[in-house]
N, C-alpha and C. Protein backbone atom coordinates (compact mmCIF):
# COMPACT_ATOMS: atom_id res chain seq x y z
N MET A 1 77.75 106.67 120.03
CA MET A 1 78.01 106.14 118.70
C MET A 1 78.85 104.87 118.83
N THR A 2 78.50 103.86 118.11
CA THR A 2 79.24 102.61 118.15
C THR A 2 80.09 102.45 116.90
N ASP A 3 81.18 101.74 117.06
CA ASP A 3 82.06 101.50 115.92
C ASP A 3 81.74 100.17 115.26
N ARG A 4 80.77 99.45 115.78
CA ARG A 4 80.37 98.17 115.20
C ARG A 4 79.18 98.41 114.29
N PRO A 5 79.38 98.38 112.97
CA PRO A 5 78.27 98.65 112.07
C PRO A 5 77.24 97.54 112.13
N THR A 6 75.97 97.93 111.99
CA THR A 6 74.91 96.93 111.97
C THR A 6 74.72 96.37 110.57
N GLU A 7 75.20 97.09 109.58
CA GLU A 7 75.13 96.63 108.20
C GLU A 7 76.54 96.51 107.65
N PRO A 8 76.75 95.60 106.71
CA PRO A 8 78.09 95.49 106.13
C PRO A 8 78.52 96.80 105.48
N ARG A 9 79.79 97.12 105.61
CA ARG A 9 80.32 98.32 104.98
C ARG A 9 81.66 97.99 104.33
N GLU A 10 82.05 98.84 103.43
CA GLU A 10 83.33 98.65 102.75
C GLU A 10 84.47 98.87 103.73
N PRO A 11 85.52 98.06 103.65
CA PRO A 11 86.67 98.29 104.52
C PRO A 11 87.35 99.62 104.19
N LEU A 12 87.95 100.21 105.19
CA LEU A 12 88.70 101.44 105.00
C LEU A 12 90.01 101.13 104.30
N HIS A 13 90.62 102.15 103.75
CA HIS A 13 91.97 102.01 103.21
C HIS A 13 92.95 101.98 104.37
N VAL A 14 93.91 101.08 104.33
CA VAL A 14 94.93 101.00 105.37
C VAL A 14 96.29 101.21 104.71
N PHE A 15 97.04 102.15 105.26
CA PHE A 15 98.37 102.48 104.75
C PHE A 15 99.39 102.23 105.85
N LEU A 16 100.59 101.83 105.47
CA LEU A 16 101.67 101.60 106.42
C LEU A 16 102.77 102.63 106.19
N SER A 17 103.31 103.16 107.28
CA SER A 17 104.46 104.05 107.16
C SER A 17 105.68 103.22 106.76
N ASP A 18 106.73 103.88 106.33
CA ASP A 18 107.98 103.18 106.00
C ASP A 18 108.50 102.42 107.22
N ALA A 19 108.40 103.04 108.39
CA ALA A 19 108.87 102.39 109.62
C ALA A 19 108.05 101.14 109.92
N ALA A 20 106.75 101.19 109.70
CA ALA A 20 105.90 100.02 109.93
C ALA A 20 106.23 98.90 108.94
N GLU A 21 106.45 99.26 107.70
CA GLU A 21 106.82 98.24 106.70
C GLU A 21 108.14 97.58 107.05
N GLN A 22 109.10 98.36 107.53
CA GLN A 22 110.39 97.80 107.94
C GLN A 22 110.22 96.87 109.14
N ALA A 23 109.36 97.25 110.07
CA ALA A 23 109.12 96.41 111.25
C ALA A 23 108.50 95.07 110.84
N LEU A 24 107.64 95.07 109.84
CA LEU A 24 107.03 93.82 109.37
C LEU A 24 108.09 92.83 108.90
N LEU A 25 109.15 93.33 108.31
CA LEU A 25 110.21 92.46 107.79
C LEU A 25 110.96 91.73 108.91
N GLN A 26 110.88 92.25 110.13
CA GLN A 26 111.59 91.66 111.26
C GLN A 26 110.76 90.66 112.05
N LEU A 27 109.49 90.53 111.72
CA LEU A 27 108.59 89.66 112.49
C LEU A 27 108.72 88.20 112.09
N ARG A 28 108.47 87.34 113.04
CA ARG A 28 108.39 85.90 112.77
C ARG A 28 107.06 85.62 112.06
N PRO A 29 106.93 84.49 111.40
CA PRO A 29 105.70 84.20 110.65
C PRO A 29 104.41 84.32 111.48
N GLY A 30 104.40 83.79 112.69
CA GLY A 30 103.20 83.87 113.52
C GLY A 30 102.89 85.30 113.95
N GLU A 31 103.93 86.08 114.20
CA GLU A 31 103.75 87.48 114.56
C GLU A 31 103.19 88.27 113.37
N LEU A 32 103.74 88.00 112.20
CA LEU A 32 103.27 88.66 110.98
C LEU A 32 101.79 88.34 110.74
N ASP A 33 101.42 87.09 110.92
CA ASP A 33 100.03 86.69 110.75
C ASP A 33 99.13 87.42 111.74
N ALA A 34 99.57 87.55 112.99
CA ALA A 34 98.77 88.25 114.01
C ALA A 34 98.60 89.72 113.65
N VAL A 35 99.66 90.36 113.13
CA VAL A 35 99.56 91.76 112.73
C VAL A 35 98.62 91.91 111.54
N GLU A 36 98.74 91.03 110.56
CA GLU A 36 97.86 91.10 109.39
C GLU A 36 96.39 90.95 109.78
N LYS A 37 96.10 90.05 110.71
CA LYS A 37 94.71 89.87 111.17
C LYS A 37 94.21 91.12 111.88
N LEU A 38 95.06 91.73 112.70
CA LEU A 38 94.66 92.96 113.38
C LEU A 38 94.40 94.08 112.38
N VAL A 39 95.26 94.22 111.40
CA VAL A 39 95.08 95.27 110.39
C VAL A 39 93.78 95.06 109.61
N GLU A 40 93.44 93.82 109.32
CA GLU A 40 92.16 93.53 108.66
C GLU A 40 90.99 93.98 109.53
N ARG A 41 91.08 93.74 110.84
CA ARG A 41 90.01 94.18 111.74
C ARG A 41 89.94 95.70 111.81
N LEU A 42 91.10 96.36 111.80
CA LEU A 42 91.12 97.83 111.86
C LEU A 42 90.47 98.44 110.63
N ALA A 43 90.57 97.77 109.49
CA ALA A 43 89.94 98.28 108.27
C ALA A 43 88.42 98.31 108.41
N LEU A 44 87.87 97.45 109.25
CA LEU A 44 86.43 97.41 109.48
C LEU A 44 86.01 98.16 110.74
N PHE A 45 86.86 98.12 111.75
CA PHE A 45 86.55 98.72 113.05
C PHE A 45 87.72 99.60 113.48
N PRO A 46 87.86 100.79 112.91
CA PRO A 46 89.05 101.61 113.15
C PRO A 46 89.20 102.13 114.57
N ARG A 47 88.16 102.11 115.35
CA ARG A 47 88.26 102.57 116.74
C ARG A 47 88.45 101.39 117.70
N LEU A 48 88.96 100.30 117.20
CA LEU A 48 89.18 99.10 117.99
C LEU A 48 90.24 99.32 119.07
N GLY A 49 91.22 100.14 118.80
CA GLY A 49 92.33 100.35 119.73
C GLY A 49 91.98 101.27 120.89
N ILE A 50 92.98 101.51 121.71
CA ILE A 50 92.86 102.41 122.85
C ILE A 50 93.24 103.81 122.37
N PRO A 51 92.38 104.80 122.60
CA PRO A 51 92.71 106.16 122.16
C PRO A 51 93.97 106.69 122.83
N VAL A 52 94.77 107.39 122.05
CA VAL A 52 95.99 108.02 122.56
C VAL A 52 95.72 109.52 122.58
N PRO A 53 95.69 110.13 123.77
CA PRO A 53 95.39 111.56 123.84
C PRO A 53 96.55 112.42 123.36
N GLY A 54 96.24 113.66 123.06
CA GLY A 54 97.29 114.63 122.76
C GLY A 54 97.60 114.82 121.29
N GLY A 55 96.76 114.31 120.41
CA GLY A 55 97.00 114.51 118.98
C GLY A 55 96.92 115.98 118.60
N THR A 56 97.63 116.34 117.56
CA THR A 56 97.66 117.74 117.15
C THR A 56 96.68 118.06 116.04
N ASP A 57 96.12 117.06 115.40
CA ASP A 57 95.19 117.29 114.30
C ASP A 57 93.78 116.92 114.76
N PRO A 58 92.85 117.87 114.83
CA PRO A 58 91.51 117.56 115.33
C PRO A 58 90.71 116.61 114.43
N GLU A 59 91.14 116.42 113.19
CA GLU A 59 90.41 115.53 112.28
C GLU A 59 90.96 114.11 112.29
N VAL A 60 91.99 113.87 113.10
CA VAL A 60 92.64 112.57 113.12
C VAL A 60 92.63 112.04 114.56
N ASP A 61 92.27 110.78 114.73
CA ASP A 61 92.28 110.14 116.04
C ASP A 61 93.44 109.16 116.09
N ASP A 62 94.21 109.21 117.17
CA ASP A 62 95.35 108.32 117.36
C ASP A 62 94.97 107.18 118.29
N TYR A 63 95.45 105.98 117.96
CA TYR A 63 95.13 104.78 118.74
C TYR A 63 96.34 103.86 118.82
N THR A 64 96.28 102.97 119.80
CA THR A 64 97.20 101.86 119.85
C THR A 64 96.39 100.59 120.10
N ALA A 65 96.79 99.51 119.46
CA ALA A 65 96.08 98.23 119.60
C ALA A 65 97.12 97.13 119.71
N ARG A 66 96.73 96.04 120.34
CA ARG A 66 97.63 94.89 120.47
C ARG A 66 97.04 93.70 119.75
N THR A 67 97.92 92.92 119.16
CA THR A 67 97.47 91.73 118.44
C THR A 67 97.09 90.64 119.43
N ASP A 68 96.45 89.61 118.92
CA ASP A 68 96.28 88.39 119.68
C ASP A 68 97.67 87.76 119.79
N PRO A 69 97.88 86.84 120.73
CA PRO A 69 99.20 86.20 120.83
C PRO A 69 99.59 85.51 119.52
N ALA A 70 100.84 85.67 119.14
CA ALA A 70 101.35 85.03 117.92
C ALA A 70 101.37 83.52 118.10
N SER A 71 101.08 82.79 117.02
CA SER A 71 101.00 81.33 117.10
C SER A 71 102.35 80.68 117.36
N ASP A 72 103.45 81.32 116.94
CA ASP A 72 104.75 80.68 117.12
C ASP A 72 105.48 81.14 118.38
N SER A 73 105.36 82.39 118.75
CA SER A 73 106.11 82.90 119.89
C SER A 73 105.23 83.19 121.10
N GLY A 74 103.92 83.36 120.88
CA GLY A 74 103.02 83.74 121.96
C GLY A 74 103.09 85.22 122.28
N ASP A 75 103.97 85.96 121.58
CA ASP A 75 104.12 87.39 121.83
C ASP A 75 102.94 88.16 121.23
N ARG A 76 102.69 89.31 121.83
CA ARG A 76 101.69 90.24 121.30
C ARG A 76 102.44 91.44 120.75
N ILE A 77 101.97 91.95 119.64
CA ILE A 77 102.61 93.07 118.95
C ILE A 77 101.72 94.30 119.13
N SER A 78 102.34 95.44 119.39
CA SER A 78 101.59 96.70 119.49
C SER A 78 101.59 97.39 118.14
N VAL A 79 100.44 97.90 117.75
CA VAL A 79 100.28 98.62 116.49
C VAL A 79 99.76 100.01 116.83
N VAL A 80 100.52 101.03 116.44
CA VAL A 80 100.14 102.41 116.67
C VAL A 80 99.63 102.96 115.34
N TYR A 81 98.44 103.57 115.36
CA TYR A 81 97.85 104.01 114.10
C TYR A 81 97.02 105.27 114.29
N ARG A 82 96.70 105.88 113.16
CA ARG A 82 95.85 107.06 113.11
C ARG A 82 94.65 106.75 112.24
N TYR A 83 93.49 107.23 112.68
CA TYR A 83 92.26 107.04 111.92
C TYR A 83 91.78 108.40 111.45
N HIS A 84 91.66 108.53 110.13
CA HIS A 84 91.18 109.78 109.54
C HIS A 84 89.81 109.48 108.92
N GLU A 85 88.78 109.84 109.67
CA GLU A 85 87.41 109.48 109.25
C GLU A 85 87.02 110.12 107.92
N ALA A 86 87.36 111.38 107.72
CA ALA A 86 86.97 112.09 106.49
C ALA A 86 87.62 111.46 105.25
N MET A 87 88.79 110.89 105.42
CA MET A 87 89.49 110.26 104.29
C MET A 87 89.25 108.75 104.23
N SER A 88 88.44 108.23 105.15
CA SER A 88 88.15 106.79 105.20
C SER A 88 89.42 105.97 105.18
N SER A 89 90.36 106.33 106.07
CA SER A 89 91.64 105.62 106.04
C SER A 89 92.23 105.45 107.43
N VAL A 90 93.04 104.41 107.53
CA VAL A 90 93.82 104.10 108.72
C VAL A 90 95.28 104.14 108.29
N PHE A 91 96.11 104.82 109.08
CA PHE A 91 97.53 104.93 108.77
C PHE A 91 98.32 104.34 109.92
N VAL A 92 98.94 103.18 109.68
CA VAL A 92 99.75 102.52 110.71
C VAL A 92 101.11 103.20 110.74
N THR A 93 101.42 103.81 111.88
CA THR A 93 102.67 104.54 111.98
C THR A 93 103.80 103.71 112.56
N TRP A 94 103.48 102.85 113.53
CA TRP A 94 104.50 102.03 114.17
C TRP A 94 103.98 100.63 114.43
N ILE A 95 104.87 99.67 114.33
CA ILE A 95 104.61 98.29 114.76
C ILE A 95 105.72 97.97 115.73
N ILE A 96 105.34 97.69 116.98
CA ILE A 96 106.33 97.54 118.04
C ILE A 96 106.32 96.11 118.54
N ALA A 97 107.44 95.43 118.38
CA ALA A 97 107.58 94.05 118.83
C ALA A 97 108.88 93.94 119.61
N GLY A 98 108.91 92.98 120.49
CA GLY A 98 110.15 92.74 121.23
C GLY A 98 109.93 92.73 122.72
N PRO A 99 110.99 92.48 123.44
CA PRO A 99 110.88 92.38 124.91
C PRO A 99 110.56 93.71 125.56
């Protein structure tokens, strides 16, 4: 099964945890832009990230993905998220930036 649809489809709902929203406030403008672009891609291709094994809910898949380099700092940001196929949603749990 491929995660790249051959026909256009509606984007999934994307939700951010409180921790992820707080992390967004700490990002530089280029980093924020890189995260927003990644989240837009996740809404269309939720299995874009690397699977994280060991989840406790069989209906939810855990992933981590990295942004493209930020335009201002060149840093890449890690985004940890869960994909719930039955609910057509992506839940961003963590946004990790820094050295």
